[in-house]
Amino acid sequence: MRSDRGAAMVAGALAAWFVVTLLSQHPRRKTEWLRDLLPGGLIPDWRFFAPEPVQHDLVLVHRTVAANGDQTRWRVTTPVSDRSLLHLVWFPQRRMEKALHEIAGELLGQAATGTRTWTSHHTFGLCRDHVIRAARREPAGHHSIVIGVQFGLLRRPGEEMLLVSPFIPCTKETAR
């Protein structure tokens, strides 16, 4: 009888701990006080969803400018990788997409503040160098002499151009 009572108390304590853990995961953090009930991190803080979930994709696009002044159409600089079942476990290409999204978001924030010229921000340099390297890998086509590039940040869905860089001369020293 005593072991049944002890087992019931342990089961009740574990059930209460589980319920408090679930309640403490509320995204609006109204139940943050529950975590203070048990010191020492006994109530884990798992967040299954981002505090501000991404609702759109930022796509880095670019175009090249030829010596005669012709501009190409906007092209996606780094296309999004197709997904497969293996990507549930191993997907190193996703790191590049996430990094570009973070850099683009920071660059947009810098451009929106207007506190300093966004073209002097380090994220501009990262985007510029990435675009120049991508443009150099492209086949020349009818633009045999490319003298510059321009990049933009496009929001999808909706195809809204959020930011367009100034013309960037494309010299050997430009991209590092």
N, C-alpha and C. Protein backbone atom coordinates (compact mmCIF):
# COMPACT_ATOMS: atom_id res chain seq x y z
N MET A 1 0.83 -1.19 0.00
CA MET A 1 0.00 0.00 0.00
C MET A 1 0.87 1.26 0.00
N ARG A 2 1.93 1.20 0.81
CA ARG A 2 2.81 2.35 0.91
C ARG A 2 3.53 2.59 -0.42
N SER A 3 3.95 1.54 -1.13
CA SER A 3 4.63 1.70 -2.40
C SER A 3 3.67 2.24 -3.47
N ASP A 4 2.39 1.85 -3.39
CA ASP A 4 1.40 2.39 -4.33
C ASP A 4 1.22 3.89 -4.13
N ARG A 5 1.21 4.30 -2.87
CA ARG A 5 1.03 5.71 -2.56
C ARG A 5 2.26 6.51 -3.03
N GLY A 6 3.44 5.96 -2.81
CA GLY A 6 4.67 6.61 -3.25
C GLY A 6 4.74 6.71 -4.77
N ALA A 7 4.34 5.64 -5.46
CA ALA A 7 4.34 5.64 -6.92
C ALA A 7 3.34 6.67 -7.45
N ALA A 8 2.20 6.79 -6.78
CA ALA A 8 1.20 7.77 -7.20
C ALA A 8 1.71 9.19 -7.00
N MET A 9 2.44 9.42 -5.91
CA MET A 9 2.99 10.75 -5.66
C MET A 9 4.05 11.11 -6.71
N VAL A 10 4.89 10.15 -7.03
CA VAL A 10 5.92 10.39 -8.05
C VAL A 10 5.26 10.65 -9.40
N ALA A 11 4.26 9.83 -9.74
CA ALA A 11 3.55 10.02 -11.02
C ALA A 11 2.85 11.37 -11.05
N GLY A 12 2.25 11.77 -9.93
CA GLY A 12 1.59 13.07 -9.86
C GLY A 12 2.57 14.23 -10.00
N ALA A 13 3.73 14.10 -9.35
CA ALA A 13 4.75 15.15 -9.45
C ALA A 13 5.28 15.26 -10.88
N LEU A 14 5.53 14.12 -11.51
CA LEU A 14 6.00 14.14 -12.90
C LEU A 14 4.94 14.70 -13.84
N ALA A 15 3.67 14.35 -13.60
CA ALA A 15 2.59 14.88 -14.44
C ALA A 15 2.48 16.40 -14.26
N ALA A 16 2.58 16.88 -13.02
CA ALA A 16 2.52 18.32 -12.78
C ALA A 16 3.69 19.03 -13.44
N TRP A 17 4.88 18.44 -13.33
CA TRP A 17 6.07 19.01 -13.96
C TRP A 17 5.90 19.09 -15.47
N PHE A 18 5.32 18.05 -16.07
CA PHE A 18 5.07 18.02 -17.51
C PHE A 18 4.08 19.11 -17.91
N VAL A 19 3.00 19.27 -17.15
CA VAL A 19 1.98 20.29 -17.46
C VAL A 19 2.58 21.69 -17.33
N VAL A 20 3.35 21.93 -16.27
CA VAL A 20 3.97 23.24 -16.09
C VAL A 20 4.96 23.52 -17.22
N THR A 21 5.70 22.49 -17.66
CA THR A 21 6.63 22.65 -18.79
C THR A 21 5.88 23.03 -20.05
N LEU A 22 4.77 22.35 -20.32
CA LEU A 22 3.97 22.69 -21.51
C LEU A 22 3.42 24.10 -21.43
N LEU A 23 2.89 24.48 -20.26
CA LEU A 23 2.33 25.82 -20.12
C LEU A 23 3.40 26.90 -20.26
N SER A 24 4.61 26.61 -19.83
CA SER A 24 5.67 27.62 -19.89
C SER A 24 6.17 27.86 -21.31
N GLN A 25 5.74 27.07 -22.26
CA GLN A 25 6.19 27.22 -23.64
C GLN A 25 5.33 28.19 -24.45
N HIS A 26 4.37 28.82 -23.83
CA HIS A 26 3.48 29.73 -24.55
C HIS A 26 4.31 30.80 -25.25
N PRO A 27 4.05 31.05 -26.56
CA PRO A 27 4.90 31.99 -27.31
C PRO A 27 4.84 33.43 -26.81
N ARG A 28 3.78 33.82 -26.15
CA ARG A 28 3.68 35.21 -25.68
C ARG A 28 4.30 35.39 -24.30
N ARG A 29 4.82 34.31 -23.74
CA ARG A 29 5.55 34.34 -22.47
C ARG A 29 4.71 34.90 -21.32
N LYS A 30 3.40 34.69 -21.35
CA LYS A 30 2.56 35.13 -20.24
C LYS A 30 2.73 34.23 -19.02
N THR A 31 3.30 33.06 -19.24
CA THR A 31 3.45 32.09 -18.15
C THR A 31 4.91 31.99 -17.70
N GLU A 32 5.66 33.03 -17.88
CA GLU A 32 7.09 33.03 -17.51
C GLU A 32 7.28 32.81 -16.01
N TRP A 33 6.31 33.21 -15.22
CA TRP A 33 6.41 33.06 -13.77
C TRP A 33 6.45 31.60 -13.35
N LEU A 34 5.93 30.70 -14.19
CA LEU A 34 5.97 29.28 -13.86
C LEU A 34 7.40 28.77 -13.75
N ARG A 35 8.29 29.33 -14.53
CA ARG A 35 9.68 28.91 -14.51
C ARG A 35 10.35 29.28 -13.19
N ASP A 36 9.85 30.32 -12.54
CA ASP A 36 10.42 30.74 -11.26
C ASP A 36 10.02 29.83 -10.11
N LEU A 37 9.01 28.97 -10.32
CA LEU A 37 8.57 28.07 -9.26
C LEU A 37 9.65 27.06 -8.87
N LEU A 38 10.38 26.57 -9.85
CA LEU A 38 11.43 25.59 -9.59
C LEU A 38 12.77 26.16 -10.02
N PRO A 39 13.63 26.45 -9.08
CA PRO A 39 14.94 27.02 -9.45
C PRO A 39 15.84 25.96 -10.08
N GLY A 40 16.90 26.43 -10.69
CA GLY A 40 17.89 25.51 -11.24
C GLY A 40 17.59 24.98 -12.61
N GLY A 41 16.67 25.58 -13.32
CA GLY A 41 16.40 25.15 -14.69
C GLY A 41 15.64 23.84 -14.79
N LEU A 42 14.86 23.50 -13.78
CA LEU A 42 14.11 22.24 -13.84
C LEU A 42 12.93 22.31 -14.81
N ILE A 43 12.52 23.53 -15.14
CA ILE A 43 11.48 23.69 -16.17
C ILE A 43 12.18 24.19 -17.42
N PRO A 44 12.29 23.34 -18.43
CA PRO A 44 13.04 23.71 -19.63
C PRO A 44 12.33 24.80 -20.43
N ASP A 45 13.12 25.54 -21.18
CA ASP A 45 12.59 26.61 -22.03
C ASP A 45 12.79 26.22 -23.49
N TRP A 46 11.86 25.43 -24.01
CA TRP A 46 11.92 25.03 -25.41
C TRP A 46 10.98 25.93 -26.18
N ARG A 47 11.41 26.41 -27.29
CA ARG A 47 10.55 27.20 -28.17
C ARG A 47 10.48 26.48 -29.50
N PHE A 48 9.30 26.03 -29.83
CA PHE A 48 9.13 25.27 -31.06
C PHE A 48 8.95 26.18 -32.26
N PHE A 49 8.63 27.44 -32.03
CA PHE A 49 8.42 28.38 -33.11
C PHE A 49 9.26 29.62 -32.84
N ALA A 50 9.68 30.26 -33.89
CA ALA A 50 10.47 31.48 -33.75
C ALA A 50 9.61 32.57 -33.13
N PRO A 51 10.22 33.48 -32.36
CA PRO A 51 9.43 34.57 -31.77
C PRO A 51 8.77 35.44 -32.83
N GLU A 52 9.45 35.64 -33.95
CA GLU A 52 8.88 36.36 -35.08
C GLU A 52 9.09 35.50 -36.32
N PRO A 53 8.13 34.63 -36.63
CA PRO A 53 8.35 33.70 -37.75
C PRO A 53 8.50 34.44 -39.08
N VAL A 54 9.36 33.89 -39.92
CA VAL A 54 9.58 34.46 -41.25
C VAL A 54 8.33 34.24 -42.09
N GLN A 55 7.84 35.29 -42.71
CA GLN A 55 6.63 35.18 -43.51
C GLN A 55 6.90 35.40 -44.99
N HIS A 56 8.16 35.64 -45.32
CA HIS A 56 8.52 35.84 -46.72
C HIS A 56 9.99 35.48 -46.90
N ASP A 57 10.38 35.29 -48.12
CA ASP A 57 11.78 35.01 -48.44
C ASP A 57 12.43 36.27 -48.99
N LEU A 58 13.67 36.49 -48.61
CA LEU A 58 14.47 37.55 -49.21
C LEU A 58 15.40 36.90 -50.21
N VAL A 59 15.38 37.40 -51.43
CA VAL A 59 16.17 36.81 -52.51
C VAL A 59 17.16 37.87 -53.00
N LEU A 60 18.41 37.48 -53.07
CA LEU A 60 19.45 38.36 -53.60
C LEU A 60 19.49 38.18 -55.11
N VAL A 61 19.27 39.28 -55.84
CA VAL A 61 19.29 39.25 -57.31
C VAL A 61 20.35 40.24 -57.79
N HIS A 62 20.78 40.06 -59.02
CA HIS A 62 21.77 40.97 -59.58
C HIS A 62 21.60 41.09 -61.08
N ARG A 63 22.22 42.13 -61.61
CA ARG A 63 22.32 42.28 -63.06
C ARG A 63 23.69 42.87 -63.36
N THR A 64 24.14 42.61 -64.57
CA THR A 64 25.46 43.11 -64.98
C THR A 64 25.28 44.24 -65.99
N VAL A 65 26.29 45.07 -66.06
CA VAL A 65 26.30 46.19 -66.99
C VAL A 65 27.51 46.00 -67.91
N ALA A 66 27.25 46.07 -69.22
CA ALA A 66 28.32 45.88 -70.20
C ALA A 66 28.99 47.22 -70.51
N ALA A 67 30.09 47.14 -71.21
CA ALA A 67 30.84 48.35 -71.58
C ALA A 67 30.01 49.28 -72.46
N ASN A 68 29.09 48.72 -73.25
CA ASN A 68 28.25 49.56 -74.11
C ASN A 68 27.04 50.12 -73.38
N GLY A 69 26.89 49.83 -72.08
CA GLY A 69 25.79 50.36 -71.29
C GLY A 69 24.59 49.45 -71.17
N ASP A 70 24.56 48.35 -71.92
CA ASP A 70 23.45 47.40 -71.82
C ASP A 70 23.45 46.72 -70.46
N GLN A 71 22.23 46.53 -69.94
CA GLN A 71 22.07 45.83 -68.66
C GLN A 71 21.34 44.52 -68.90
N THR A 72 21.75 43.48 -68.18
CA THR A 72 21.03 42.21 -68.27
C THR A 72 19.78 42.30 -67.42
N ARG A 73 18.94 41.30 -67.52
CA ARG A 73 17.77 41.22 -66.65
C ARG A 73 18.22 40.81 -65.25
N TRP A 74 17.37 41.07 -64.27
CA TRP A 74 17.67 40.65 -62.91
C TRP A 74 17.70 39.13 -62.87
N ARG A 75 18.74 38.58 -62.25
CA ARG A 75 18.88 37.13 -62.09
C ARG A 75 19.10 36.82 -60.61
N VAL A 76 18.61 35.67 -60.20
CA VAL A 76 18.82 35.22 -58.82
C VAL A 76 20.30 34.89 -58.64
N THR A 77 20.91 35.47 -57.65
CA THR A 77 22.34 35.27 -57.41
C THR A 77 22.62 33.88 -56.85
N THR A 78 21.90 33.50 -55.83
CA THR A 78 22.06 32.19 -55.21
C THR A 78 20.69 31.53 -55.15
N PRO A 79 20.40 30.61 -56.08
CA PRO A 79 19.08 29.99 -56.08
C PRO A 79 18.86 29.14 -54.83
N VAL A 80 17.61 29.03 -54.42
CA VAL A 80 17.25 28.20 -53.28
C VAL A 80 17.39 26.74 -53.67
N SER A 81 18.00 25.96 -52.81
CA SER A 81 18.24 24.54 -53.10
C SER A 81 16.94 23.75 -53.04
N ASP A 82 16.81 22.78 -53.94
CA ASP A 82 15.69 21.86 -53.87
C ASP A 82 15.87 20.97 -52.65
N ARG A 83 14.77 20.59 -52.04
CA ARG A 83 14.82 19.78 -50.83
C ARG A 83 14.67 18.30 -51.16
N SER A 84 15.28 17.46 -50.33
CA SER A 84 15.11 16.01 -50.44
C SER A 84 14.97 15.45 -49.03
N LEU A 85 14.67 14.16 -48.93
CA LEU A 85 14.52 13.55 -47.62
C LEU A 85 15.83 13.57 -46.83
N LEU A 86 16.94 13.48 -47.52
CA LEU A 86 18.23 13.53 -46.85
C LEU A 86 18.42 14.86 -46.11
N HIS A 87 17.80 15.92 -46.60
CA HIS A 87 17.96 17.24 -45.99
C HIS A 87 17.30 17.34 -44.62
N LEU A 88 16.49 16.36 -44.24
CA LEU A 88 15.98 16.34 -42.88
C LEU A 88 17.11 16.12 -41.88
N VAL A 89 18.16 15.45 -42.32
CA VAL A 89 19.28 15.12 -41.44
C VAL A 89 20.52 15.96 -41.77
N TRP A 90 20.82 16.12 -43.05
CA TRP A 90 22.07 16.76 -43.48
C TRP A 90 21.76 17.73 -44.61
N PHE A 91 22.00 19.01 -44.39
CA PHE A 91 21.68 20.01 -45.40
C PHE A 91 22.62 21.21 -45.26
N PRO A 92 23.92 21.03 -45.55
CA PRO A 92 24.86 22.14 -45.35
C PRO A 92 24.61 23.33 -46.25
N GLN A 93 23.98 23.14 -47.42
CA GLN A 93 23.71 24.27 -48.32
C GLN A 93 22.75 25.26 -47.67
N ARG A 94 21.94 24.81 -46.74
CA ARG A 94 20.96 25.67 -46.09
C ARG A 94 21.66 26.77 -45.29
N ARG A 95 22.87 26.51 -44.84
CA ARG A 95 23.60 27.52 -44.07
C ARG A 95 23.83 28.78 -44.89
N MET A 96 24.16 28.61 -46.17
CA MET A 96 24.38 29.76 -47.05
C MET A 96 23.09 30.55 -47.21
N GLU A 97 21.96 29.86 -47.39
CA GLU A 97 20.68 30.54 -47.54
C GLU A 97 20.33 31.31 -46.27
N LYS A 98 20.54 30.69 -45.12
CA LYS A 98 20.24 31.36 -43.86
C LYS A 98 21.17 32.55 -43.64
N ALA A 99 22.44 32.39 -43.97
CA ALA A 99 23.39 33.50 -43.81
C ALA A 99 23.00 34.67 -44.71
N LEU A 100 22.65 34.38 -45.96
CA LEU A 100 22.23 35.46 -46.87
C LEU A 100 20.97 36.15 -46.36
N HIS A 101 20.05 35.38 -45.79
CA HIS A 101 18.82 35.96 -45.25
C HIS A 101 19.14 36.89 -44.08
N GLU A 102 20.04 36.47 -43.20
CA GLU A 102 20.44 37.30 -42.07
C GLU A 102 21.15 38.57 -42.53
N ILE A 103 22.07 38.42 -43.47
CA ILE A 103 22.81 39.57 -43.98
C ILE A 103 21.87 40.54 -44.67
N ALA A 104 20.96 40.01 -45.49
CA ALA A 104 20.01 40.87 -46.20
C ALA A 104 19.10 41.59 -45.22
N GLY A 105 18.64 40.89 -44.19
CA GLY A 105 17.78 41.53 -43.20
C GLY A 105 18.49 42.65 -42.46
N GLU A 106 19.75 42.44 -42.13
CA GLU A 106 20.53 43.48 -41.46
C GLU A 106 20.78 44.67 -42.39
N LEU A 107 21.04 44.38 -43.65
CA LEU A 107 21.27 45.45 -44.62
C LEU A 107 19.99 46.28 -44.81
N LEU A 108 18.85 45.61 -44.88
CA LEU A 108 17.58 46.34 -44.99
C LEU A 108 17.34 47.21 -43.77
N GLY A 109 17.64 46.67 -42.60
CA GLY A 109 17.48 47.46 -41.37
C GLY A 109 18.39 48.67 -41.36
N GLN A 110 19.61 48.50 -41.82
CA GLN A 110 20.57 49.60 -41.88
C GLN A 110 20.10 50.67 -42.87
N ALA A 111 19.58 50.23 -44.01
CA ALA A 111 19.09 51.18 -45.02
C ALA A 111 17.86 51.93 -44.50
N ALA A 112 17.03 51.25 -43.70
CA ALA A 112 15.81 51.88 -43.20
C ALA A 112 16.09 52.93 -42.12
N THR A 113 17.15 52.74 -41.33
CA THR A 113 17.43 53.70 -40.26
C THR A 113 17.92 55.03 -40.79
N GLY A 114 18.71 54.98 -41.85
CA GLY A 114 19.21 56.22 -42.43
C GLY A 114 20.23 56.93 -41.56
N THR A 115 20.73 56.26 -40.52
CA THR A 115 21.70 56.91 -39.63
C THR A 115 23.05 57.09 -40.30
N ARG A 116 23.41 56.18 -41.18
CA ARG A 116 24.64 56.34 -41.96
C ARG A 116 24.41 55.71 -43.32
N THR A 117 25.28 55.99 -44.23
CA THR A 117 25.12 55.44 -45.57
C THR A 117 25.19 53.92 -45.50
N TRP A 118 24.13 53.26 -45.97
CA TRP A 118 24.09 51.80 -45.88
C TRP A 118 25.12 51.14 -46.77
N THR A 119 25.61 51.87 -47.77
CA THR A 119 26.64 51.29 -48.64
C THR A 119 28.00 51.21 -47.94
N SER A 120 28.15 51.85 -46.78
CA SER A 120 29.40 51.72 -46.03
C SER A 120 29.30 50.65 -44.94
N HIS A 121 28.13 50.03 -44.80
CA HIS A 121 27.94 48.98 -43.80
C HIS A 121 28.62 47.70 -44.26
N HIS A 122 29.11 46.91 -43.32
CA HIS A 122 29.84 45.69 -43.68
C HIS A 122 28.96 44.68 -44.43
N THR A 123 27.65 44.70 -44.18
CA THR A 123 26.77 43.76 -44.90
C THR A 123 26.67 44.11 -46.38
N PHE A 124 26.79 45.40 -46.70
CA PHE A 124 26.82 45.79 -48.11
C PHE A 124 28.04 45.18 -48.79
N GLY A 125 29.18 45.26 -48.13
CA GLY A 125 30.40 44.68 -48.69
C GLY A 125 30.29 43.18 -48.89
N LEU A 126 29.64 42.49 -47.96
CA LEU A 126 29.45 41.04 -48.11
C LEU A 126 28.57 40.73 -49.32
N CYS A 127 27.46 41.47 -49.46
CA CYS A 127 26.58 41.25 -50.61
C CYS A 127 27.28 41.61 -51.91
N ARG A 128 27.98 42.72 -51.91
CA ARG A 128 28.70 43.17 -53.11
C ARG A 128 29.70 42.11 -53.57
N ASP A 129 30.52 41.62 -52.64
CA ASP A 129 31.54 40.63 -53.01
C ASP A 129 30.91 39.33 -53.49
N HIS A 130 29.82 38.92 -52.84
CA HIS A 130 29.14 37.68 -53.25
C HIS A 130 28.57 37.82 -54.66
N VAL A 131 27.97 38.97 -54.94
CA VAL A 131 27.37 39.19 -56.26
C VAL A 131 28.45 39.27 -57.33
N ILE A 132 29.55 39.93 -57.06
CA ILE A 132 30.62 40.03 -58.06
C ILE A 132 31.19 38.65 -58.37
N ARG A 133 31.39 37.84 -57.32
CA ARG A 133 31.89 36.47 -57.58
C ARG A 133 30.90 35.68 -58.41
N ALA A 134 29.61 35.81 -58.11
CA ALA A 134 28.59 35.09 -58.87
C ALA A 134 28.55 35.57 -60.32
N ALA A 135 28.67 36.88 -60.52
CA ALA A 135 28.64 37.43 -61.89
C ALA A 135 29.85 36.97 -62.69
N ARG A 136 30.98 36.82 -62.04
CA ARG A 136 32.19 36.36 -62.74
C ARG A 136 32.09 34.90 -63.15
N ARG A 137 31.29 34.12 -62.44
CA ARG A 137 31.13 32.70 -62.79
C ARG A 137 30.15 32.49 -63.94
N GLU A 138 29.35 33.51 -64.26
CA GLU A 138 28.35 33.37 -65.32
C GLU A 138 29.01 33.40 -66.69
N PRO A 139 28.40 32.72 -67.66
CA PRO A 139 28.93 32.83 -69.02
C PRO A 139 28.74 34.26 -69.53
N ALA A 140 29.67 34.71 -70.35
CA ALA A 140 29.66 36.10 -70.81
C ALA A 140 28.46 36.42 -71.68
N GLY A 141 28.04 35.50 -72.54
CA GLY A 141 26.91 35.77 -73.43
C GLY A 141 27.22 36.92 -74.35
N HIS A 142 26.24 37.80 -74.56
CA HIS A 142 26.48 38.93 -75.46
C HIS A 142 27.21 40.07 -74.74
N HIS A 143 27.39 39.94 -73.42
CA HIS A 143 28.15 40.93 -72.66
C HIS A 143 29.56 40.41 -72.47
N SER A 144 30.38 40.59 -73.46
CA SER A 144 31.73 40.06 -73.35
C SER A 144 32.58 40.86 -72.36
N ILE A 145 32.29 42.13 -72.20
CA ILE A 145 33.05 42.95 -71.26
C ILE A 145 32.08 43.52 -70.23
N VAL A 146 32.12 42.95 -69.03
CA VAL A 146 31.26 43.42 -67.95
C VAL A 146 32.04 44.45 -67.16
N ILE A 147 31.45 45.64 -67.04
CA ILE A 147 32.16 46.70 -66.32
C ILE A 147 31.58 46.95 -64.93
N GLY A 148 30.43 46.36 -64.66
CA GLY A 148 29.85 46.58 -63.34
C GLY A 148 28.67 45.68 -63.06
N VAL A 149 28.26 45.71 -61.80
CA VAL A 149 27.11 44.94 -61.36
C VAL A 149 26.23 45.83 -60.49
N GLN A 150 25.03 45.36 -60.29
CA GLN A 150 24.09 46.00 -59.40
C GLN A 150 23.31 44.88 -58.74
N PHE A 151 23.05 44.98 -57.44
CA PHE A 151 22.27 43.93 -56.79
C PHE A 151 21.04 44.52 -56.14
N GLY A 152 20.08 43.67 -55.91
CA GLY A 152 18.85 44.07 -55.26
C GLY A 152 18.38 42.99 -54.31
N LEU A 153 17.52 43.39 -53.39
CA LEU A 153 16.89 42.45 -52.48
C LEU A 153 15.42 42.40 -52.82
N LEU A 154 14.97 41.21 -53.13
CA LEU A 154 13.61 40.98 -53.60
C LEU A 154 12.86 40.20 -52.54
N ARG A 155 11.61 40.60 -52.27
CA ARG A 155 10.78 39.87 -51.32
C ARG A 155 9.81 38.98 -52.08
N ARG A 156 9.78 37.72 -51.69
CA ARG A 156 8.83 36.78 -52.28
C ARG A 156 7.98 36.22 -51.16
N PRO A 157 6.74 35.92 -51.35
CA PRO A 157 5.97 36.13 -52.58
C PRO A 157 5.66 37.61 -52.77
N GLY A 158 5.32 37.94 -53.97
CA GLY A 158 4.96 39.30 -54.31
C GLY A 158 5.94 39.98 -55.23
N GLU A 159 7.16 39.46 -55.31
CA GLU A 159 8.18 40.02 -56.21
C GLU A 159 8.36 41.52 -55.98
N GLU A 160 8.45 41.93 -54.73
CA GLU A 160 8.63 43.35 -54.41
C GLU A 160 10.12 43.63 -54.20
N MET A 161 10.65 44.57 -54.96
CA MET A 161 12.06 44.94 -54.82
C MET A 161 12.18 45.89 -53.63
N LEU A 162 12.88 45.46 -52.59
CA LEU A 162 13.00 46.24 -51.36
C LEU A 162 14.18 47.19 -51.35
N LEU A 163 15.25 46.81 -52.05
CA LEU A 163 16.47 47.59 -52.00
C LEU A 163 17.25 47.35 -53.28
N VAL A 164 17.78 48.41 -53.85
CA VAL A 164 18.62 48.29 -55.05
C VAL A 164 19.92 49.04 -54.78
N SER A 165 21.01 48.36 -55.02
CA SER A 165 22.32 48.98 -54.78
C SER A 165 22.63 49.97 -55.89
N PRO A 166 23.56 50.86 -55.64
CA PRO A 166 24.06 51.68 -56.75
C PRO A 166 24.91 50.82 -57.68
N PHE A 167 25.22 51.36 -58.83
CA PHE A 167 26.11 50.68 -59.77
C PHE A 167 27.47 50.45 -59.10
N ILE A 168 27.98 49.23 -59.22
CA ILE A 168 29.26 48.87 -58.60
C ILE A 168 30.26 48.54 -59.70
N PRO A 169 31.30 49.34 -59.87
CA PRO A 169 32.31 49.01 -60.90
C PRO A 169 32.94 47.65 -60.60
N CYS A 170 33.15 46.89 -61.63
CA CYS A 170 33.65 45.53 -61.50
C CYS A 170 35.11 45.48 -61.95
N THR A 171 36.01 45.73 -61.03
CA THR A 171 37.43 45.67 -61.33
C THR A 171 38.02 44.44 -60.66
N LYS A 172 39.26 44.15 -60.95
CA LYS A 172 39.91 42.99 -60.34
C LYS A 172 40.04 43.15 -58.83
N GLU A 173 40.13 44.38 -58.36
CA GLU A 173 40.31 44.62 -56.94
C GLU A 173 38.99 44.70 -56.18
N THR A 174 37.84 44.76 -56.88
CA THR A 174 36.57 45.00 -56.21
C THR A 174 36.20 43.89 -55.25
N ALA A 175 36.13 42.66 -55.73
CA ALA A 175 35.74 41.54 -54.87
C ALA A 175 36.98 40.92 -54.26
N ARG A 176 36.91 40.68 -52.98
CA ARG A 176 38.04 40.06 -52.29
C ARG A 176 37.88 38.58 -52.22
